[in-house]
Amino acid sequence: MLYLAAFVISMVLVLVLIPPFRKLAVKIDFVDKPRPDSERKIHREPIPLTAGVAIFIGFFITYFALTGVISREAIGIFIGSALILGIGLVDDWYKSQGKELASLPKLIVQVSAAVVVYSYGIAFEGFNNPFTGQYINLPEWLQLILTILWIFGVTTVINFSDGIDGLAGGLSAISGGTLFVVAITMGRGESALLAVILVGAALGYLRYNKPPARVFMGDAGATFLGFILGIIALDGAFKGATLASLFVPIFALGVPIFDNIIVVIRRMRQSKPIYQADASQAHYRLLATGLNQKQTLVFLCLLNLCFGLAAIILAMNGSGA
């Protein structure tokens, strides 16, 4: 019942919060404007960029209302998330004015947010040796590096997936649902709660973001969802994992991770900066083949669902279920 309540409350809160924030965005001109000169701007009218704030508020109201006692880890998650949301809003504001925020400030803040989470006790600590059954505890310096790389990486790939209506929200909901099942399988109740809240928030957002979108969550919302997914995987899938089941969270986030690995390799081979925005993600390539937005969205979400099912099977085998 707790998980059902968490799902419903977060979804309803986001559904209720988006309209007033949408009106505010229009009033202050906080909108994503069409740009005929950009192959990535495929919408034809200004779209409000404030859904990320509604997702953030809905997520944490639900989380703190249902957890009762606020743990040290919860404080770290909130502080890190606030940093992610803040720099995302600054980035979105620049975009609404036809400008681009430099990559360095975003990199510094996102890495800092991951460090905050680590300092509050959420980390990639080690794994079980499948041959001896012994738990291998990694040195603290390596824990820090791997934690930062994982959280920053997931934050980035979800943001890069936010290119067509409904995609980042849909992929996040599917990945969150996968990680919910994995967390339940592994007995990680706190991570399961975070995951189901995220699924509810993402589905509430999709009510307004499905094609044709009436609101965007912007970089603020997409990076926030990626940040939370990275944290959920650390605590609910990586913790206590065997060597084989380390692939579970990677499969749970299959489409955004593998798509962006391919994008990075392609950009490196073409001697392009890794962070240079272009139309090389899978959704843009599918659109170029003649598929429309809805067909592209359905195809990639179904593909991510297949990855998710593989992750669940791997997790169940790894736990002996």
Protein backbone atom coordinates (compact mmCIF):
# COMPACT_ATOMS: atom_id res chain seq x y z
CA MET A 1 0.00 0.00 0.00
CA LEU A 2 2.90 2.36 0.70
CA TYR A 3 4.21 1.99 -2.85
CA LEU A 4 0.75 2.47 -4.36
CA ALA A 5 0.21 5.59 -2.27
CA ALA A 6 3.63 6.94 -3.29
CA PHE A 7 2.88 6.36 -6.96
CA VAL A 8 -0.55 8.01 -6.85
CA ILE A 9 0.48 10.99 -4.70
CA SER A 10 3.51 11.89 -6.80
CA MET A 11 1.57 11.57 -10.05
CA VAL A 12 -1.36 13.67 -8.79
CA LEU A 13 0.94 16.36 -7.39
CA VAL A 14 2.78 16.72 -10.70
CA LEU A 15 -0.52 16.77 -12.60
CA VAL A 16 -1.78 19.57 -10.33
CA LEU A 17 1.45 21.58 -10.24
CA ILE A 18 2.32 21.71 -13.94
CA PRO A 19 -0.56 23.99 -15.11
CA PRO A 20 0.22 26.93 -12.76
CA PHE A 21 3.94 26.66 -13.49
CA ARG A 22 3.10 26.52 -17.19
CA LYS A 23 1.17 29.79 -16.91
CA LEU A 24 4.03 31.37 -14.98
CA ALA A 25 6.50 30.34 -17.69
CA VAL A 26 4.42 32.00 -20.39
CA LYS A 27 4.12 35.16 -18.26
CA ILE A 28 7.89 35.52 -17.71
CA ASP A 29 8.85 34.24 -21.19
CA PHE A 30 10.53 31.14 -19.78
CA VAL A 31 9.83 29.14 -22.94
CA ASP A 32 11.72 27.06 -25.49
CA LYS A 33 11.38 28.97 -28.76
CA PRO A 34 11.49 27.31 -32.19
CA ARG A 35 14.70 27.83 -34.14
CA PRO A 36 14.54 27.14 -37.90
CA ASP A 37 18.35 27.08 -38.00
CA SER A 38 18.59 24.20 -35.50
CA GLU A 39 18.03 20.58 -36.51
CA ARG A 40 17.33 19.74 -32.84
CA LYS A 41 14.44 22.21 -32.40
CA ILE A 42 11.60 20.34 -34.06
CA HIS A 43 8.66 22.02 -32.28
CA ARG A 44 6.86 24.84 -34.09
CA GLU A 45 5.69 27.09 -31.24
CA PRO A 46 7.10 28.31 -27.90
CA ILE A 47 6.80 25.65 -25.17
CA PRO A 48 6.98 26.45 -21.40
CA LEU A 49 10.06 25.03 -19.66
CA THR A 50 8.88 24.82 -16.05
CA ALA A 51 7.68 21.21 -15.71
CA GLY A 52 11.00 20.27 -14.10
CA VAL A 53 10.15 22.41 -11.07
CA ALA A 54 6.77 20.68 -10.72
CA ILE A 55 8.43 17.26 -10.96
CA PHE A 56 11.00 18.22 -8.31
CA ILE A 57 8.39 19.56 -5.87
CA GLY A 58 5.98 16.66 -6.42
CA PHE A 59 8.78 14.14 -5.96
CA PHE A 60 10.11 15.50 -2.68
CA ILE A 61 6.76 16.32 -1.10
CA THR A 62 5.78 12.70 -1.66
CA TYR A 63 9.15 11.36 -0.51
CA PHE A 64 9.35 13.32 2.74
CA ALA A 65 5.65 12.85 3.52
CA LEU A 66 5.90 9.06 3.30
CA THR A 67 9.34 8.38 4.78
CA GLY A 68 8.49 9.79 8.22
CA VAL A 69 12.00 10.06 9.66
CA ILE A 70 14.29 12.02 7.36
CA SER A 71 17.52 10.05 7.06
CA ARG A 72 21.02 11.36 6.44
CA GLU A 73 20.92 9.87 2.94
CA ALA A 74 17.62 11.66 2.22
CA ILE A 75 19.18 15.00 3.12
CA GLY A 76 22.07 14.29 0.76
CA ILE A 77 19.66 13.36 -2.04
CA PHE A 78 17.71 16.58 -1.53
CA ILE A 79 20.78 18.85 -1.46
CA GLY A 80 22.27 17.18 -4.53
CA SER A 81 18.94 17.36 -6.36
CA ALA A 82 18.55 21.05 -5.51
CA LEU A 83 21.97 21.72 -7.06
CA ILE A 84 20.99 19.78 -10.18
CA LEU A 85 17.67 21.60 -10.48
CA GLY A 86 19.30 24.99 -9.90
CA ILE A 87 21.96 24.71 -12.60
CA GLY A 88 19.37 23.16 -14.91
CA LEU A 89 17.06 26.16 -14.48
CA VAL A 90 19.94 28.53 -15.21
CA ASP A 91 20.72 26.54 -18.35
CA ASP A 92 17.06 26.57 -19.41
CA TRP A 93 16.84 30.33 -18.82
CA TYR A 94 19.83 30.88 -21.09
CA LYS A 95 18.16 28.75 -23.75
CA SER A 96 14.90 30.69 -23.41
CA GLN A 97 16.89 33.83 -24.24
CA GLY A 98 18.52 32.24 -27.28
CA LYS A 99 21.87 31.76 -25.51
CA GLU A 100 23.93 28.78 -24.34
CA LEU A 101 25.36 28.29 -20.86
CA ALA A 102 28.99 27.15 -20.94
CA SER A 103 29.58 23.46 -20.23
CA LEU A 104 32.09 24.03 -17.40
CA PRO A 105 29.65 25.49 -14.82
CA LYS A 106 27.20 22.64 -15.52
CA LEU A 107 29.98 20.07 -15.17
CA ILE A 108 31.20 21.56 -11.87
CA VAL A 109 27.73 21.69 -10.31
CA GLN A 110 26.69 18.21 -11.48
CA VAL A 111 29.92 16.65 -10.20
CA SER A 112 29.49 18.57 -6.94
CA ALA A 113 25.97 17.17 -6.58
CA ALA A 114 27.35 13.63 -6.97
CA VAL A 115 30.04 14.38 -4.36
CA VAL A 116 27.35 15.59 -1.96
CA VAL A 117 25.43 12.33 -2.37
CA TYR A 118 28.62 10.36 -1.76
CA SER A 119 29.47 12.39 1.34
CA TYR A 120 26.01 11.57 2.76
CA GLY A 121 26.57 7.84 2.51
CA ILE A 122 25.36 6.74 -0.93
CA ALA A 123 28.18 5.10 -2.87
CA PHE A 124 29.27 2.24 -5.09
CA GLU A 125 31.02 0.31 -2.32
CA GLY A 126 31.91 -3.01 -3.94
CA PHE A 127 30.53 -6.33 -5.12
CA ASN A 128 30.34 -10.02 -4.23
CA ASN A 129 32.96 -12.29 -5.78
CA PRO A 130 30.91 -14.95 -7.66
CA PHE A 131 33.66 -17.55 -7.18
CA THR A 132 34.35 -17.20 -3.46
CA GLY A 133 31.18 -15.51 -2.24
CA GLN A 134 33.39 -12.95 -0.51
CA TYR A 135 32.39 -9.29 -0.58
CA ILE A 136 35.05 -7.12 -2.20
CA ASN A 137 35.03 -3.69 -0.58
CA LEU A 138 36.64 -1.12 -2.87
CA PRO A 139 39.04 1.52 -1.51
CA GLU A 140 37.37 4.81 -0.68
CA TRP A 141 39.08 6.77 -3.46
CA LEU A 142 37.76 4.30 -6.02
CA GLN A 143 34.29 4.36 -4.45
CA LEU A 144 34.24 8.14 -4.86
CA ILE A 145 35.38 8.06 -8.49
CA LEU A 146 32.93 5.31 -9.52
CA THR A 147 30.05 6.99 -7.68
CA ILE A 148 30.69 10.31 -9.39
CA LEU A 149 31.12 8.72 -12.82
CA TRP A 150 27.92 6.69 -12.49
CA ILE A 151 25.66 9.49 -11.19
CA PHE A 152 27.08 12.06 -13.60
CA GLY A 153 26.82 9.60 -16.48
CA VAL A 154 23.18 8.69 -15.86
CA THR A 155 22.29 12.35 -15.32
CA THR A 156 23.85 13.18 -18.67
CA VAL A 157 22.38 10.35 -20.76
CA ILE A 158 18.82 11.05 -19.61
CA ASN A 159 19.29 14.72 -20.44
CA PHE A 160 20.68 13.87 -23.87
CA SER A 161 17.63 11.66 -24.48
CA ASP A 162 15.27 14.60 -24.06
CA GLY A 163 14.96 15.39 -27.75
CA ILE A 164 11.37 14.58 -28.76
CA ASP A 165 8.04 14.82 -26.98
CA GLY A 166 7.58 12.17 -24.31
CA LEU A 167 10.93 10.40 -24.76
CA ALA A 168 12.96 11.33 -21.67
CA GLY A 169 9.87 11.04 -19.47
CA GLY A 170 8.88 7.71 -21.02
CA LEU A 171 12.37 6.21 -20.78
CA SER A 172 12.67 7.45 -17.18
CA ALA A 173 9.33 5.90 -16.22
CA ILE A 174 10.29 2.54 -17.75
CA SER A 175 13.77 2.58 -16.18
CA GLY A 176 12.28 3.65 -12.85
CA GLY A 177 9.76 0.82 -13.02
CA THR A 178 12.54 -1.64 -13.79
CA LEU A 179 14.64 -0.42 -10.87
CA PHE A 180 11.56 -0.64 -8.62
CA VAL A 181 11.17 -4.34 -9.40
CA VAL A 182 14.92 -4.89 -9.00
CA ALA A 183 14.95 -3.09 -5.63
CA ILE A 184 12.01 -5.18 -4.40
CA THR A 185 13.79 -8.34 -5.56
CA MET A 186 16.93 -7.34 -3.67
CA GLY A 187 15.06 -6.21 -0.55
CA ARG A 188 15.98 -2.54 -0.93
CA GLY A 189 12.82 -0.84 0.33
CA GLU A 190 14.17 2.73 0.36
CA SER A 191 15.27 2.49 -3.27
CA ALA A 192 11.96 0.89 -4.25
CA LEU A 193 10.13 3.88 -2.71
CA LEU A 194 12.31 6.37 -4.59
CA ALA A 195 11.73 4.46 -7.83
CA VAL A 196 7.96 4.28 -7.58
CA ILE A 197 7.75 7.99 -6.70
CA LEU A 198 9.84 8.77 -9.76
CA VAL A 199 7.58 6.63 -11.97
CA GLY A 200 4.50 8.46 -10.70
CA ALA A 201 6.11 11.87 -11.26
CA ALA A 202 7.28 10.93 -14.76
CA LEU A 203 3.83 9.65 -15.77
CA GLY A 204 2.19 12.79 -14.39
CA TYR A 205 4.53 14.84 -16.55
CA LEU A 206 3.82 12.71 -19.62
CA ARG A 207 0.17 13.73 -19.40
CA TYR A 208 1.32 17.15 -20.65
CA ASN A 209 4.40 16.11 -22.62
CA LYS A 210 3.06 13.36 -24.88
CA PRO A 211 3.06 14.40 -28.56
CA PRO A 212 2.22 17.18 -29.19
CA ALA A 213 3.79 18.50 -25.97
CA ARG A 214 2.24 21.37 -24.04
CA VAL A 215 5.14 21.74 -21.64
CA PHE A 216 8.81 20.74 -21.40
CA MET A 217 10.76 19.80 -18.28
CA GLY A 218 13.91 21.29 -19.77
CA ASP A 219 17.43 20.43 -18.68
CA ALA A 220 16.33 21.02 -15.07
CA GLY A 221 13.78 18.20 -15.15
CA ALA A 222 15.72 15.79 -17.36
CA THR A 223 18.92 16.06 -15.31
CA PHE A 224 16.92 15.72 -12.09
CA LEU A 225 15.29 12.48 -13.28
CA GLY A 226 18.67 11.15 -14.41
CA PHE A 227 20.25 12.12 -11.09
CA ILE A 228 17.57 10.27 -9.09
CA LEU A 229 17.76 7.21 -11.36
CA GLY A 230 21.52 7.08 -10.81
CA ILE A 231 21.03 7.21 -7.03
CA ILE A 232 18.33 4.52 -7.10
CA ALA A 233 20.61 2.21 -9.05
CA LEU A 234 23.49 2.78 -6.62
CA ASP A 235 21.46 1.86 -3.56
CA GLY A 236 18.99 -0.58 -5.05
CA ALA A 237 20.89 -2.48 -7.72
CA PHE A 238 24.64 -2.03 -7.25
CA LYS A 239 24.66 -2.48 -3.47
CA GLY A 240 25.48 -6.07 -2.60
CA ALA A 241 25.53 -7.00 -6.27
CA THR A 242 27.45 -9.92 -7.71
CA LEU A 243 29.90 -9.35 -10.55
CA ALA A 244 27.33 -10.50 -13.12
CA SER A 245 24.45 -8.44 -11.73
CA LEU A 246 26.50 -5.25 -12.03
CA PHE A 247 24.97 -5.19 -15.52
CA VAL A 248 21.43 -4.93 -14.08
CA PRO A 249 21.30 -1.12 -13.76
CA ILE A 250 23.04 -0.75 -17.12
CA PHE A 251 20.30 -2.81 -18.79
CA ALA A 252 17.62 -0.96 -16.78
CA LEU A 253 18.81 2.23 -18.47
CA GLY A 254 19.60 0.44 -21.71
CA VAL A 255 18.39 2.80 -24.43
CA PRO A 256 19.80 6.07 -23.05
CA ILE A 257 23.11 4.46 -22.02
CA PHE A 258 23.85 2.47 -25.18
CA ASP A 259 22.56 5.21 -27.49
CA ASN A 260 24.82 7.81 -25.92
CA ILE A 261 27.84 5.48 -25.89
CA ILE A 262 27.38 5.17 -29.66
CA VAL A 263 26.97 8.95 -29.96
CA VAL A 264 30.19 9.60 -28.02
CA ILE A 265 32.14 7.08 -30.11
CA ARG A 266 30.82 8.64 -33.32
CA ARG A 267 31.73 12.17 -32.18
CA MET A 268 35.23 11.06 -31.18
CA ARG A 269 35.77 9.38 -34.55
CA GLN A 270 34.63 12.60 -36.27
CA SER A 271 36.88 14.69 -33.99
CA LYS A 272 33.87 16.56 -32.62
CA PRO A 273 33.62 17.74 -28.99
CA ILE A 274 31.70 15.16 -26.92
CA TYR A 275 29.39 17.84 -25.52
CA GLN A 276 28.66 19.51 -28.85
CA ALA A 277 24.90 19.30 -29.31
CA ASP A 278 23.82 17.75 -32.61
CA ALA A 279 21.19 15.43 -34.02
CA SER A 280 23.13 12.18 -33.68
CA GLN A 281 20.96 10.53 -30.98
CA ALA A 282 18.83 7.55 -31.97
CA HIS A 283 15.57 9.53 -31.91
CA TYR A 284 16.87 12.05 -34.45
CA ARG A 285 18.22 9.28 -36.68
CA LEU A 286 14.88 7.46 -36.57
CA LEU A 287 13.05 10.66 -37.46
CA ALA A 288 15.42 11.06 -40.41
CA THR A 289 14.33 7.64 -41.72
CA GLY A 290 10.75 8.88 -42.05
CA LEU A 291 9.22 7.82 -38.73
CA ASN A 292 7.11 10.44 -36.99
CA GLN A 293 7.51 11.45 -33.35
CA LYS A 294 4.91 9.01 -32.00
CA GLN A 295 6.38 6.06 -33.91
CA THR A 296 9.89 6.93 -32.75
CA LEU A 297 8.69 7.32 -29.16
CA VAL A 298 6.91 3.95 -29.15
CA PHE A 299 9.85 2.13 -30.75
CA LEU A 300 12.44 3.44 -28.28
CA CYS A 301 10.19 2.92 -25.25
CA LEU A 302 9.48 -0.68 -26.31
CA LEU A 303 13.21 -1.23 -26.80
CA ASN A 304 13.90 0.16 -23.32
CA LEU A 305 11.18 -2.11 -21.94
CA CYS A 306 12.98 -5.10 -23.45
CA PHE A 307 16.21 -4.00 -21.79
CA GLY A 308 14.27 -3.61 -18.55
CA LEU A 309 12.89 -7.13 -18.71
CA ALA A 310 16.42 -8.44 -19.28
CA ALA A 311 17.59 -6.49 -16.22
CA ILE A 312 14.81 -7.97 -14.07
CA ILE A 313 15.60 -11.53 -15.21
CA LEU A 314 19.29 -10.98 -14.48
CA ALA A 315 18.49 -9.55 -11.04
CA MET A 316 16.21 -12.45 -10.15
CA ASN A 317 18.83 -14.98 -11.22
CA GLY A 318 21.48 -13.12 -9.27
CA SER A 319 19.37 -13.08 -6.10
CA GLY A 320 18.41 -16.71 -6.43
CA ALA A 321 14.71 -15.83 -6.82
